[in-house]
Protein backbone atom coordinates (compact mmCIF):
# COMPACT_ATOMS: atom_id res chain seq x y z
CA MET A 1 -38.73 -30.80 -9.96
CA SER A 2 -42.21 -29.30 -10.18
CA GLN A 3 -42.57 -25.59 -9.48
CA PRO A 4 -45.13 -24.29 -6.96
CA SER A 5 -47.96 -22.12 -8.20
CA ALA A 6 -50.61 -19.75 -6.85
CA LEU A 7 -48.29 -18.46 -4.12
CA PRO A 8 -47.68 -14.88 -2.98
CA ALA A 9 -44.74 -13.31 -4.83
CA ASP A 10 -42.31 -13.55 -1.90
CA SER A 11 -43.25 -17.17 -1.24
CA ARG A 12 -42.96 -18.03 -4.92
CA ASP A 13 -39.52 -16.43 -5.12
CA ALA A 14 -38.38 -18.25 -1.97
CA ALA A 15 -39.70 -21.57 -3.23
CA THR A 16 -37.93 -21.08 -6.57
CA THR A 17 -34.65 -20.28 -4.83
CA LEU A 18 -34.96 -23.40 -2.68
CA ALA A 19 -35.96 -25.54 -5.66
CA GLU A 20 -32.87 -24.45 -7.61
CA ALA A 21 -30.55 -25.31 -4.73
CA GLN A 22 -32.20 -28.71 -4.39
CA ARG A 23 -32.08 -29.35 -8.14
CA ARG A 24 -28.34 -28.76 -8.18
CA LEU A 25 -27.94 -31.05 -5.17
CA TYR A 26 -29.82 -33.83 -6.96
CA LEU A 27 -27.72 -33.38 -10.09
CA ALA A 28 -24.51 -33.42 -8.05
CA PHE A 29 -25.52 -36.69 -6.35
CA LEU A 30 -26.24 -38.22 -9.75
CA ASP A 31 -22.94 -36.98 -11.13
CA GLN A 32 -21.03 -38.38 -8.15
CA GLY A 33 -22.76 -41.76 -8.37
CA LEU A 34 -24.38 -41.40 -4.94
CA THR A 35 -27.46 -43.23 -6.18
CA ARG A 36 -28.07 -45.14 -2.96
CA TRP A 37 -28.29 -41.86 -1.06
CA LEU A 38 -30.25 -40.09 -3.79
CA ALA A 39 -33.45 -41.99 -3.01
CA ALA A 40 -33.46 -40.63 0.55
CA LEU A 41 -32.95 -36.98 -0.42
CA PRO A 42 -36.62 -35.92 -0.72
CA GLU A 43 -37.48 -37.14 2.78
CA GLN A 44 -34.25 -35.80 4.28
CA LEU A 45 -34.72 -32.34 2.78
CA ALA A 46 -38.37 -32.23 3.82
CA ARG A 47 -37.46 -33.16 7.39
CA GLY A 48 -34.45 -30.86 7.60
CA LEU A 49 -36.41 -27.87 6.31
CA ASP A 50 -39.71 -28.62 8.06
CA ARG A 51 -41.47 -25.34 8.89
CA GLN A 52 -43.36 -27.02 11.73
CA ARG A 53 -40.09 -27.81 13.52
CA HIS A 54 -38.35 -24.52 12.81
CA GLY A 55 -40.55 -21.48 13.37
CA ASP A 56 -37.99 -18.98 12.04
CA LEU A 57 -37.39 -20.93 8.84
CA PRO A 58 -39.81 -18.92 6.63
CA ALA A 59 -38.04 -15.67 7.58
CA TRP A 60 -34.62 -17.14 6.75
CA GLU A 61 -35.88 -18.53 3.46
CA LYS A 62 -37.43 -15.21 2.51
CA ALA A 63 -34.25 -13.31 3.44
CA VAL A 64 -32.23 -15.42 1.00
CA ALA A 65 -34.87 -15.12 -1.71
CA LYS A 66 -34.92 -11.32 -1.39
CA LEU A 67 -31.18 -10.92 -1.99
CA PRO A 68 -30.97 -8.76 -5.13
CA PRO A 69 -29.62 -9.98 -8.46
CA LEU A 70 -25.90 -9.31 -8.68
CA PRO A 71 -23.76 -8.11 -11.57
CA ALA A 72 -22.11 -10.92 -13.51
CA ALA A 73 -18.75 -9.18 -13.09
CA ARG A 74 -17.33 -10.33 -9.77
CA ARG A 75 -14.13 -11.74 -8.33
CA VAL A 76 -14.50 -14.70 -5.97
CA ASP A 77 -11.68 -15.87 -3.71
CA LEU A 78 -12.30 -19.13 -1.85
CA ASP A 79 -8.63 -19.65 -1.00
CA ALA A 80 -8.06 -16.75 1.40
CA ASP A 81 -8.73 -16.15 5.10
CA GLN A 82 -11.86 -14.20 4.20
CA VAL A 83 -14.10 -16.05 1.78
CA SER A 84 -14.67 -13.04 -0.42
CA VAL A 85 -16.73 -11.88 -3.37
CA GLU A 86 -15.73 -8.58 -4.90
CA VAL A 87 -18.82 -7.19 -6.57
CA ASP A 88 -20.25 -3.68 -6.97
CA LEU A 89 -23.50 -3.63 -5.00
CA GLY A 90 -24.28 0.08 -5.07
CA ASP A 91 -25.55 1.91 -2.01
CA ALA A 92 -29.17 0.74 -2.08
CA ASN A 93 -28.37 -2.92 -2.67
CA ARG A 94 -25.60 -2.81 -0.11
CA ARG A 95 -28.06 -1.66 2.56
CA ARG A 96 -30.58 -4.25 1.41
CA CYS A 97 -28.04 -7.09 1.52
CA ASP A 98 -26.72 -6.01 4.91
CA ASN A 99 -30.24 -6.01 6.38
CA LEU A 100 -31.13 -9.39 4.87
CA LEU A 101 -27.87 -11.06 5.98
CA ARG A 102 -28.48 -9.81 9.52
CA ILE A 103 -31.83 -11.63 9.58
CA LEU A 104 -29.75 -14.83 9.43
CA MET A 105 -27.75 -13.95 12.59
CA PRO A 106 -25.97 -15.22 14.57
CA TRP A 107 -23.12 -15.90 12.16
CA ARG A 108 -20.72 -18.26 13.94
CA LYS A 109 -18.20 -19.48 11.34
CA GLY A 110 -16.29 -17.28 8.92
CA PRO A 111 -15.10 -14.60 8.16
CA TYR A 112 -16.78 -13.55 4.93
CA ARG A 113 -16.58 -10.44 2.77
CA LEU A 114 -19.54 -10.13 0.41
CA GLY A 115 -19.32 -7.02 -1.71
CA ASP A 116 -18.17 -4.45 0.83
CA ILE A 117 -20.04 -6.19 3.68
CA THR A 118 -17.65 -7.84 6.13
CA ILE A 119 -19.28 -10.54 8.25
CA ASP A 120 -17.12 -10.72 11.36
CA THR A 121 -18.20 -14.09 12.72
CA GLU A 122 -17.94 -15.44 16.27
CA TRP A 123 -15.18 -17.87 15.30
CA ARG A 124 -12.02 -17.00 13.43
CA SER A 125 -12.47 -20.22 11.50
CA ASP A 126 -9.59 -19.23 9.25
CA TRP A 127 -7.22 -19.80 12.18
CA LYS A 128 -8.38 -23.41 12.48
CA TRP A 129 -7.95 -23.86 8.73
CA GLN A 130 -4.42 -22.47 8.93
CA ARG A 131 -3.58 -25.03 11.61
CA VAL A 132 -5.13 -27.96 9.75
CA ALA A 133 -4.52 -27.32 6.03
CA PRO A 134 -0.74 -27.92 5.94
CA HIS A 135 -1.27 -31.49 7.20
CA LEU A 136 -3.97 -32.58 4.76
CA SER A 137 -3.50 -34.82 1.80
CA PRO A 138 -3.96 -32.48 -1.19
CA LEU A 139 -7.67 -31.89 -1.69
CA ALA A 140 -7.42 -31.30 -5.43
CA GLY A 141 -9.77 -33.68 -7.23
CA ARG A 142 -11.08 -35.29 -4.03
CA ARG A 143 -14.65 -35.92 -2.89
CA VAL A 144 -15.08 -34.38 0.55
CA LEU A 145 -17.71 -34.70 3.29
CA ASP A 146 -17.77 -32.00 6.00
CA VAL A 147 -19.77 -33.35 8.95
CA GLY A 148 -21.29 -30.68 11.20
CA GLY A 149 -19.81 -28.05 8.90
CA GLY A 150 -21.87 -25.11 10.19
CA ASN A 151 -22.61 -22.52 7.51
CA GLY A 152 -19.99 -23.95 5.18
CA TYR A 153 -16.98 -21.69 5.68
CA HIS A 154 -14.52 -24.58 5.69
CA ALA A 155 -16.34 -26.21 2.76
CA TRP A 156 -15.73 -23.10 0.64
CA ARG A 157 -12.06 -23.29 1.64
CA MET A 158 -12.00 -26.96 0.60
CA ALA A 159 -13.45 -26.00 -2.78
CA GLY A 160 -10.85 -23.25 -2.97
CA ALA A 161 -8.19 -25.91 -2.44
CA GLY A 162 -9.45 -27.74 -5.52
CA ALA A 163 -11.80 -30.40 -4.17
CA ALA A 164 -13.94 -31.91 -6.94
CA PHE A 165 -17.06 -32.25 -4.78
CA VAL A 166 -17.76 -30.93 -1.28
CA LEU A 167 -20.85 -31.81 0.73
CA VAL A 168 -21.64 -30.11 4.04
CA ILE A 169 -24.05 -31.94 6.32
CA ASP A 170 -25.41 -30.09 9.34
CA PRO A 171 -28.93 -30.37 10.78
CA SER A 172 -29.24 -26.62 11.45
CA PRO A 173 -31.61 -24.90 8.98
CA ARG A 174 -30.14 -21.52 9.95
CA PHE A 175 -26.74 -22.68 8.75
CA TYR A 176 -28.38 -24.03 5.58
CA TYR A 177 -29.76 -20.60 4.72
CA GLN A 178 -26.51 -18.85 5.64
CA PHE A 179 -24.79 -21.18 3.17
CA GLN A 180 -27.39 -20.39 0.51
CA ALA A 181 -26.88 -16.65 1.10
CA VAL A 182 -23.15 -17.03 0.51
CA ARG A 183 -23.92 -19.19 -2.53
CA HIS A 184 -25.96 -16.27 -3.92
CA PHE A 185 -22.81 -14.15 -3.89
CA VAL A 186 -20.40 -16.88 -5.02
CA GLY A 187 -22.67 -17.82 -7.91
CA ASP A 188 -21.12 -20.48 -10.12
CA ALA A 189 -17.51 -19.43 -9.42
CA ASP A 190 -16.85 -22.80 -7.77
CA GLY A 191 -18.41 -24.72 -10.66
CA HIS A 192 -21.20 -25.66 -8.23
CA ARG A 193 -18.90 -28.15 -6.55
CA THR A 194 -20.02 -27.13 -3.03
CA HIS A 195 -23.33 -28.29 -1.55
CA PHE A 196 -25.26 -28.42 1.73
CA LEU A 197 -27.70 -31.03 3.04
CA PRO A 198 -29.46 -30.26 6.36
CA VAL A 199 -28.98 -33.67 8.01
CA GLY A 200 -26.70 -35.33 10.55
CA ILE A 201 -24.19 -38.15 10.20
CA GLU A 202 -26.87 -40.67 11.14
CA ASP A 203 -28.62 -39.85 7.84
CA VAL A 204 -25.63 -40.87 5.72
CA PRO A 205 -26.34 -44.33 4.27
CA PRO A 206 -24.37 -47.03 6.11
CA ARG A 207 -21.21 -48.40 4.48
CA LEU A 208 -21.35 -45.69 1.82
CA ALA A 209 -17.56 -45.73 1.28
CA ALA A 210 -17.79 -42.76 -1.10
CA PHE A 211 -15.56 -39.91 0.15
CA ASP A 212 -11.82 -39.45 -0.20
CA THR A 213 -11.68 -37.08 2.80
CA VAL A 214 -14.12 -36.75 5.69
CA PHE A 215 -13.94 -33.86 8.14
CA SER A 216 -15.55 -33.94 11.59
CA MET A 217 -14.65 -30.76 13.41
CA GLY A 218 -16.39 -29.77 16.64
CA VAL A 219 -18.82 -32.71 16.66
CA LEU A 220 -17.38 -35.65 18.61
CA TYR A 221 -17.82 -34.14 22.09
CA HIS A 222 -21.54 -33.75 21.42
CA ARG A 223 -21.94 -37.49 20.79
CA ALA A 224 -23.05 -39.71 23.66
CA SER A 225 -21.48 -42.65 21.81
CA PRO A 226 -18.20 -41.32 20.41
CA LEU A 227 -16.95 -44.64 19.05
CA GLU A 228 -20.18 -45.01 17.10
CA HIS A 229 -19.48 -41.59 15.55
CA LEU A 230 -15.96 -42.65 14.57
CA LEU A 231 -17.33 -45.80 12.93
CA GLN A 232 -19.95 -43.76 11.04
CA LEU A 233 -17.18 -41.52 9.73
CA LYS A 234 -15.18 -44.56 8.71
CA ASP A 235 -18.22 -45.97 6.88
CA ALA A 236 -18.47 -42.79 4.80
CA LEU A 237 -14.83 -43.00 3.71
CA ALA A 238 -13.65 -44.81 0.61
CA PRO A 239 -10.88 -47.38 1.22
CA GLY A 240 -7.65 -45.48 1.80
CA GLY A 241 -9.59 -42.28 2.55
CA GLU A 242 -8.49 -39.69 5.10
CA LEU A 243 -10.31 -38.65 8.28
CA VAL A 244 -9.73 -35.19 9.74
CA LEU A 245 -11.03 -35.17 13.31
CA GLU A 246 -11.06 -32.07 15.52
CA THR A 247 -12.59 -32.07 18.99
CA LEU A 248 -12.27 -30.85 22.56
CA VAL A 249 -9.61 -32.69 24.53
CA VAL A 250 -7.96 -32.63 27.94
CA GLU A 251 -4.35 -33.17 28.91
CA GLY A 252 -3.38 -36.68 29.91
CA ASP A 253 -2.22 -40.11 28.83
CA GLU A 254 -3.77 -42.86 26.75
CA GLN A 255 -6.27 -43.70 29.51
CA THR A 256 -7.43 -40.14 30.29
CA VAL A 257 -11.04 -39.37 29.46
CA PHE A 258 -13.07 -36.60 31.14
CA MET A 259 -16.87 -36.41 31.30
CA PRO A 260 -18.23 -33.07 32.59
CA GLY A 261 -21.52 -32.46 34.37
CA GLU A 262 -24.65 -31.02 32.79
CA ARG A 263 -22.68 -28.23 31.10
CA TYR A 264 -19.15 -27.57 29.95
CA ALA A 265 -18.24 -23.92 29.26
CA SER A 266 -22.00 -23.32 29.37
CA MET A 267 -22.58 -25.84 26.56
CA PRO A 268 -25.16 -28.57 27.12
CA ASN A 269 -24.80 -32.04 25.63
CA VAL A 270 -21.05 -32.30 26.07
CA TYR A 271 -20.10 -35.87 26.84
CA PHE A 272 -16.58 -37.28 26.49
CA LEU A 273 -13.37 -35.23 26.35
CA PRO A 274 -10.43 -37.61 25.84
CA SER A 275 -6.78 -36.71 25.81
CA SER A 276 -5.33 -36.61 22.31
CA ARG A 277 -3.48 -39.86 23.11
CA ALA A 278 -6.71 -41.52 24.24
CA LEU A 279 -8.41 -40.27 21.08
CA ALA A 280 -5.66 -41.83 18.97
CA HIS A 281 -6.27 -45.07 20.87
CA TRP A 282 -9.99 -44.88 20.08
CA LEU A 283 -9.23 -44.38 16.38
CA GLY A 284 -6.96 -47.40 16.42
CA ARG A 285 -9.63 -49.54 18.08
CA CYS A 286 -12.06 -48.42 15.35
CA GLY A 287 -9.71 -49.72 12.66
CA PHE A 288 -8.01 -46.54 11.49
CA GLU A 289 -4.29 -46.46 10.70
CA ALA A 290 -1.54 -43.87 10.19
CA ILE A 291 -2.99 -41.92 13.13
CA ARG A 292 -1.28 -38.66 14.05
CA CYS A 293 -2.10 -35.61 16.13
CA VAL A 294 -1.23 -32.56 14.03
CA ASP A 295 -2.36 -29.80 16.36
CA GLU A 296 -3.37 -29.20 19.97
CA THR A 297 -4.31 -25.67 20.97
CA VAL A 298 -6.04 -23.91 23.86
CA THR A 299 -8.83 -21.76 22.38
CA ARG A 300 -7.98 -18.07 22.66
CA LEU A 301 -10.37 -15.27 23.55
CA ASP A 302 -9.64 -13.57 20.22
CA GLU A 303 -10.45 -16.75 18.29
CA GLN A 304 -13.99 -17.15 19.66
CA ARG A 305 -15.73 -13.95 20.68
CA ALA A 306 -18.91 -11.88 20.41
CA THR A 307 -19.13 -9.54 17.40
CA GLU A 308 -21.79 -7.36 15.81
CA TRP A 309 -22.75 -10.42 13.74
CA MET A 310 -22.94 -12.71 16.81
CA THR A 311 -24.11 -10.61 19.73
CA PHE A 312 -24.73 -13.37 22.28
CA HIS A 313 -22.38 -14.62 25.00
CA SER A 314 -19.16 -16.20 23.77
CA LEU A 315 -15.99 -17.71 25.19
CA ALA A 316 -15.10 -14.83 27.52
CA ASP A 317 -18.44 -15.32 29.27
CA PHE A 318 -17.90 -19.06 29.65
CA LEU A 319 -14.57 -18.84 31.51
CA ASP A 320 -13.93 -18.11 35.16
CA PRO A 321 -13.29 -14.33 35.28
CA GLN A 322 -10.71 -14.86 38.04
CA ASP A 323 -8.91 -17.75 36.30
CA ARG A 324 -9.12 -17.91 32.52
CA SER A 325 -7.56 -21.39 32.57
CA ARG A 326 -10.86 -22.73 33.96
CA THR A 327 -14.44 -22.71 32.72
CA ILE A 328 -17.16 -21.14 34.85
CA GLU A 329 -17.96 -24.67 36.04
CA GLY A 330 -14.36 -25.10 37.23
CA TYR A 331 -13.22 -27.44 34.44
CA PRO A 332 -10.09 -26.99 32.28
CA ALA A 333 -10.62 -24.29 29.63
CA PRO A 334 -11.39 -25.47 26.08
CA ARG A 335 -8.46 -27.19 24.39
CA ARG A 336 -8.85 -28.59 20.89
CA ALA A 337 -6.86 -31.22 19.06
CA THR A 338 -6.86 -32.27 15.42
CA LEU A 339 -6.00 -35.84 14.49
CA ILE A 340 -5.64 -37.24 11.00
CA ALA A 341 -6.07 -40.94 10.27
CA ARG A 342 -6.56 -43.22 7.28
CA LYS A 343 -9.10 -45.92 6.53
CA PRO A 344 -7.26 -49.08 5.44
CA GLN A 345 -7.31 -50.00 1.77
CA ARG A 346 -8.46 -53.54 2.50
């Protein structure tokens, strides 16, 4: 890729940082044989990181570019509740890193420990991983797609579990730069097996059939056409591949599906909340097999909450203060289920 020239120092550094991340993404796509998708990458990256659409993007890009060089000696642990990098920052660099990482707030998925900086994120995403991981087909050697993966916390855990290639797709440029900030600390400890593309599932080429495992966690209820989403996930899977689907559900039988009003727990764009049995029925109608619900849990106030790294309203503000079993709109409080299914070999 050509390098920009005649730019201010900060802009040049930021552009170089971005170019390196994109170069590694291109090489990874080539290595994985994703040639049909490769042709679309320039346009997808340009659209996903368009400064005209995202006014804060230059500040996020600059924050990542200004992270100081780190000592080569570091210990990276991607297979623990805290994705952690033990590295000696020194006092000045610690303050610098802390300030730069805070520019990328709010941090929603984690937790992370980078040097001696603990990023206490809104979600205890490690709790979800603990619930899901025991039920997965072993990830070692697998190609994995994490749809709507946020800043990549679960993707790092997938790499820590031995996945050969992990791709996060999420249209949020803030999450993209949070991922790149963590990448700065991780360095090449994962063998550069973990990548991020700022697009949605609709940008994945149809009938790609490339991934051994596809995760969609916290996405389905935002889709106005949930069956279309399930079919898109199926298209991305190789024959015999495994789908891991986590979404909001309600209690009920195979026919129970709830559609809230304009907001659900203060969230806009929430459409269909099926029961876990109805969701299994949907998966069956979409052609999946070996469908099983492996977890169903009411979200706890200590699992999703405001922190110093996410200072906005969180779950406690979205529930009825007189009845925590209801949202402020009067609906059942958030309940999440995880289902695992397989794409047929044929």
